[in-house]
Amino acid sequence: MKAGRKKQLLTEKEAEIMNMLWDNGPLFIREIVALYPDPKPLFNTVATNVRTLEGKGYVGHEVFGPTHRFYPVVKREYFREKSFAELVKNYFSNSYKNAVSALAEENKITLEELQEIMKQLQSKKKD
């Protein structure tokens, strides 16, 4: 990622393609299309999405004769961290405490899981 350049969050379609690239390594467009469940998207639709990702600086390519093989330029962790931070900022008043509270209130996280997280935090404080 270039210094000073703000990366945008991924659309749902872009995230699908990035996950395919992260999980499977460099891929040709036809290989990306083949990874989709039926009904598969059109080749040109996938190619357009990949080129958009490339334009945003998320994907690079290698030339193989008349075709290109695409690979991720940024790591999955970058998007996980950025996406979670944006979620917390936009929906939980920039409070991670509010985000965890919402998970607990909606029974999306158990008391045991919260206790495990507390143990992990305490262990990190000791290091």
C-alpha atoms as a PDB file:
ATOM      1  CA  MET A   1       0.000   0.000   0.000  1.00  0.00           C
ATOM      2  CA  LYS A   2       1.412   3.391  -0.966  1.00  0.00           C
ATOM      3  CA  ALA A   3       2.023   5.859   1.829  1.00  0.00           C
ATOM      4  CA  GLY A   4      -0.657   8.502   2.180  1.00  0.00           C
ATOM      5  CA  ARG A   5      -3.124   6.695  -0.063  1.00  0.00           C
ATOM      6  CA  LYS A   6      -6.410   5.864   1.625  1.00  0.00           C
ATOM      7  CA  LYS A   7      -7.818   2.498   0.594  1.00  0.00           C
ATOM      8  CA  GLN A   8     -11.555   2.069   0.192  1.00  0.00           C
ATOM      9  CA  LEU A   9     -13.550  -0.722   1.768  1.00  0.00           C
ATOM     10  CA  LEU A  10     -14.524  -3.619  -0.475  1.00  0.00           C
ATOM     11  CA  THR A  11     -17.923  -4.118  -2.018  1.00  0.00           C
ATOM     12  CA  GLU A  12     -19.508  -7.540  -1.504  1.00  0.00           C
ATOM     13  CA  LYS A  13     -18.496  -8.686  -5.008  1.00  0.00           C
ATOM     14  CA  GLU A  14     -14.963  -7.378  -4.567  1.00  0.00           C
ATOM     15  CA  ALA A  15     -14.671  -9.144  -1.209  1.00  0.00           C
ATOM     16  CA  GLU A  16     -15.692 -12.448  -2.844  1.00  0.00           C
ATOM     17  CA  ILE A  17     -12.928 -12.089  -5.420  1.00  0.00           C
ATOM     18  CA  MET A  18     -10.327 -11.025  -2.866  1.00  0.00           C
ATOM     19  CA  ASN A  19     -11.172 -14.043  -0.697  1.00  0.00           C
ATOM     20  CA  MET A  20     -10.744 -16.308  -3.721  1.00  0.00           C
ATOM     21  CA  LEU A  21      -7.339 -14.773  -4.421  1.00  0.00           C
ATOM     22  CA  TRP A  22      -6.254 -14.955  -0.780  1.00  0.00           C
ATOM     23  CA  ASP A  23      -7.441 -18.563  -0.445  1.00  0.00           C
ATOM     24  CA  ASN A  24      -6.212 -19.882  -3.801  1.00  0.00           C
ATOM     25  CA  GLY A  25      -3.223 -17.778  -4.779  1.00  0.00           C
ATOM     26  CA  PRO A  26      -2.781 -16.153  -8.182  1.00  0.00           C
ATOM     27  CA  LEU A  27      -5.687 -16.903 -10.543  1.00  0.00           C
ATOM     28  CA  PHE A  28      -6.751 -16.286 -14.108  1.00  0.00           C
ATOM     29  CA  ILE A  29     -10.237 -14.814 -14.615  1.00  0.00           C
ATOM     30  CA  ARG A  30     -11.556 -18.163 -15.888  1.00  0.00           C
ATOM     31  CA  GLU A  31     -10.299 -19.819 -12.672  1.00  0.00           C
ATOM     32  CA  ILE A  32     -12.054 -17.190 -10.554  1.00  0.00           C
ATOM     33  CA  VAL A  33     -15.293 -17.771 -12.475  1.00  0.00           C
ATOM     34  CA  ALA A  34     -14.935 -21.531 -11.938  1.00  0.00           C
ATOM     35  CA  LEU A  35     -14.729 -21.027  -8.149  1.00  0.00           C
ATOM     36  CA  TYR A  36     -18.182 -19.425  -8.018  1.00  0.00           C
ATOM     37  CA  PRO A  37     -21.176 -21.632  -7.268  1.00  0.00           C
ATOM     38  CA  ASP A  38     -23.867 -21.977  -9.910  1.00  0.00           C
ATOM     39  CA  PRO A  39     -25.210 -19.844 -11.416  1.00  0.00           C
ATOM     40  CA  LYS A  40     -21.750 -18.501 -12.212  1.00  0.00           C
ATOM     41  CA  PRO A  41     -21.288 -14.827 -13.032  1.00  0.00           C
ATOM     42  CA  LEU A  42     -20.337 -13.820 -16.551  1.00  0.00           C
ATOM     43  CA  PHE A  43     -16.636 -13.802 -17.405  1.00  0.00           C
ATOM     44  CA  ASN A  44     -16.802 -10.105 -18.367  1.00  0.00           C
ATOM     45  CA  THR A  45     -18.475  -9.192 -15.070  1.00  0.00           C
ATOM     46  CA  VAL A  46     -15.725 -10.879 -13.072  1.00  0.00           C
ATOM     47  CA  ALA A  47     -13.058  -9.322 -15.287  1.00  0.00           C
ATOM     48  CA  THR A  48     -14.545  -5.862 -14.680  1.00  0.00           C
ATOM     49  CA  ASN A  49     -14.566  -6.421 -10.912  1.00  0.00           C
ATOM     50  CA  VAL A  50     -10.961  -7.646 -10.963  1.00  0.00           C
ATOM     51  CA  ARG A  51      -9.864  -4.629 -13.005  1.00  0.00           C
ATOM     52  CA  THR A  52     -11.672  -2.360 -10.519  1.00  0.00           C
ATOM     53  CA  LEU A  53      -9.756  -4.032  -7.685  1.00  0.00           C
ATOM     54  CA  GLU A  54      -6.558  -3.560  -9.629  1.00  0.00           C
ATOM     55  CA  GLY A  55      -7.374   0.115 -10.181  1.00  0.00           C
ATOM     56  CA  LYS A  56      -7.907   0.538  -6.440  1.00  0.00           C
ATOM     57  CA  GLY A  57      -4.467  -0.961  -5.799  1.00  0.00           C
ATOM     58  CA  TYR A  58      -5.689  -4.199  -4.186  1.00  0.00           C
ATOM     59  CA  VAL A  59      -4.759  -6.595  -7.003  1.00  0.00           C
ATOM     60  CA  GLY A  60      -1.780  -6.923  -9.313  1.00  0.00           C
ATOM     61  CA  HIS A  61      -1.211  -9.106 -12.372  1.00  0.00           C
ATOM     62  CA  GLU A  62       1.390 -11.112 -14.239  1.00  0.00           C
ATOM     63  CA  VAL A  63       1.251 -11.338 -18.021  1.00  0.00           C
ATOM     64  CA  PHE A  64       1.032 -14.798 -19.589  1.00  0.00           C
ATOM     65  CA  GLY A  65       0.887 -14.315 -23.340  1.00  0.00           C
ATOM     66  CA  PRO A  66      -2.480 -12.760 -24.185  1.00  0.00           C
ATOM     67  CA  THR A  67      -3.896 -13.223 -20.684  1.00  0.00           C
ATOM     68  CA  HIS A  68      -3.230 -12.083 -17.129  1.00  0.00           C
ATOM     69  CA  ARG A  69      -2.998 -13.917 -13.826  1.00  0.00           C
ATOM     70  CA  PHE A  70      -4.133 -11.843 -10.856  1.00  0.00           C
ATOM     71  CA  TYR A  71      -2.859 -11.857  -7.277  1.00  0.00           C
ATOM     72  CA  PRO A  72      -3.658  -9.896  -4.100  1.00  0.00           C
ATOM     73  CA  VAL A  73      -1.386  -6.958  -3.331  1.00  0.00           C
ATOM     74  CA  VAL A  74      -2.750  -6.387   0.182  1.00  0.00           C
ATOM     75  CA  LYS A  75      -3.159  -8.893   2.979  1.00  0.00           C
ATOM     76  CA  ARG A  76      -6.493 -10.111   4.289  1.00  0.00           C
ATOM     77  CA  GLU A  77      -5.595  -8.767   7.748  1.00  0.00           C
ATOM     78  CA  TYR A  78      -5.542  -5.221   6.360  1.00  0.00           C
ATOM     79  CA  PHE A  79      -9.198  -5.470   5.377  1.00  0.00           C
ATOM     80  CA  ARG A  80     -10.214  -7.288   8.529  1.00  0.00           C
ATOM     81  CA  GLU A  81      -8.742  -4.538  10.694  1.00  0.00           C
ATOM     82  CA  LYS A  82      -9.966  -1.677   8.510  1.00  0.00           C
ATOM     83  CA  SER A  83     -13.452  -3.128   8.039  1.00  0.00           C
ATOM     84  CA  PHE A  84     -13.899  -3.792  11.742  1.00  0.00           C
ATOM     85  CA  ALA A  85     -12.683  -0.299  12.631  1.00  0.00           C
ATOM     86  CA  GLU A  86     -15.131   1.223  10.127  1.00  0.00           C
ATOM     87  CA  LEU A  87     -17.977  -0.924  11.488  1.00  0.00           C
ATOM     88  CA  VAL A  88     -17.251   0.180  15.049  1.00  0.00           C
ATOM     89  CA  LYS A  89     -16.913   3.811  13.967  1.00  0.00           C
ATOM     90  CA  ASN A  90     -20.106   3.903  11.900  1.00  0.00           C
ATOM     91  CA  TYR A  91     -22.458   1.762  13.980  1.00  0.00           C
ATOM     92  CA  PHE A  92     -21.147   1.809  17.557  1.00  0.00           C
ATOM     93  CA  SER A  93     -20.117   5.448  18.109  1.00  0.00           C
ATOM     94  CA  ASN A  94     -16.475   4.474  17.666  1.00  0.00           C
ATOM     95  CA  SER A  95     -16.702   2.365  20.849  1.00  0.00           C
ATOM     96  CA  TYR A  96     -15.409  -1.202  20.870  1.00  0.00           C
ATOM     97  CA  LYS A  97     -17.126  -1.612  24.242  1.00  0.00           C
ATOM     98  CA  ASN A  98     -20.471  -0.786  22.586  1.00  0.00           C
ATOM     99  CA  ALA A  99     -19.726  -3.298  19.833  1.00  0.00           C
ATOM    100  CA  VAL A 100     -18.994  -6.102  22.304  1.00  0.00           C
ATOM    101  CA  SER A 101     -22.040  -5.129  24.388  1.00  0.00           C
ATOM    102  CA  ALA A 102     -24.236  -5.373  21.304  1.00  0.00           C
ATOM    103  CA  LEU A 103     -22.865  -8.859  20.602  1.00  0.00           C
ATOM    104  CA  ALA A 104     -23.667  -9.913  24.169  1.00  0.00           C
ATOM    105  CA  GLU A 105     -27.147  -8.359  24.109  1.00  0.00           C
ATOM    106  CA  GLU A 106     -27.986 -10.171  20.877  1.00  0.00           C
ATOM    107  CA  ASN A 107     -26.607 -13.471  22.208  1.00  0.00           C
ATOM    108  CA  LYS A 108     -23.916 -13.512  19.514  1.00  0.00           C
ATOM    109  CA  ILE A 109     -21.179 -14.078  22.083  1.00  0.00           C
ATOM    110  CA  THR A 110     -21.327 -16.246  25.188  1.00  0.00           C
ATOM    111  CA  LEU A 111     -20.131 -15.518  28.698  1.00  0.00           C
ATOM    112  CA  GLU A 112     -17.511 -18.251  28.242  1.00  0.00           C
ATOM    113  CA  GLU A 113     -16.219 -16.554  25.104  1.00  0.00           C
ATOM    114  CA  LEU A 114     -16.045 -13.206  26.904  1.00  0.00           C
ATOM    115  CA  GLN A 115     -14.131 -14.831  29.754  1.00  0.00           C
ATOM    116  CA  GLU A 116     -11.719 -16.364  27.253  1.00  0.00           C
ATOM    117  CA  ILE A 117     -11.168 -12.932  25.718  1.00  0.00           C
ATOM    118  CA  MET A 118     -10.510 -11.501  29.191  1.00  0.00           C
ATOM    119  CA  LYS A 119      -7.909 -14.211  29.833  1.00  0.00           C
ATOM    120  CA  GLN A 120      -6.212 -13.394  26.519  1.00  0.00           C
ATOM    121  CA  LEU A 121      -6.124  -9.692  27.422  1.00  0.00           C
ATOM    122  CA  GLN A 122      -4.709 -10.419  30.872  1.00  0.00           C
ATOM    123  CA  SER A 123      -2.079 -12.682  29.342  1.00  0.00           C
ATOM    124  CA  LYS A 124      -1.035  -9.916  26.917  1.00  0.00           C
ATOM    125  CA  LYS A 125      -0.679  -7.443  29.794  1.00  0.00           C
ATOM    126  CA  LYS A 126       1.822  -9.797  31.449  1.00  0.00           C
ATOM    127  CA  ASP A 127       3.979  -9.997  28.302  1.00  0.00           C
END
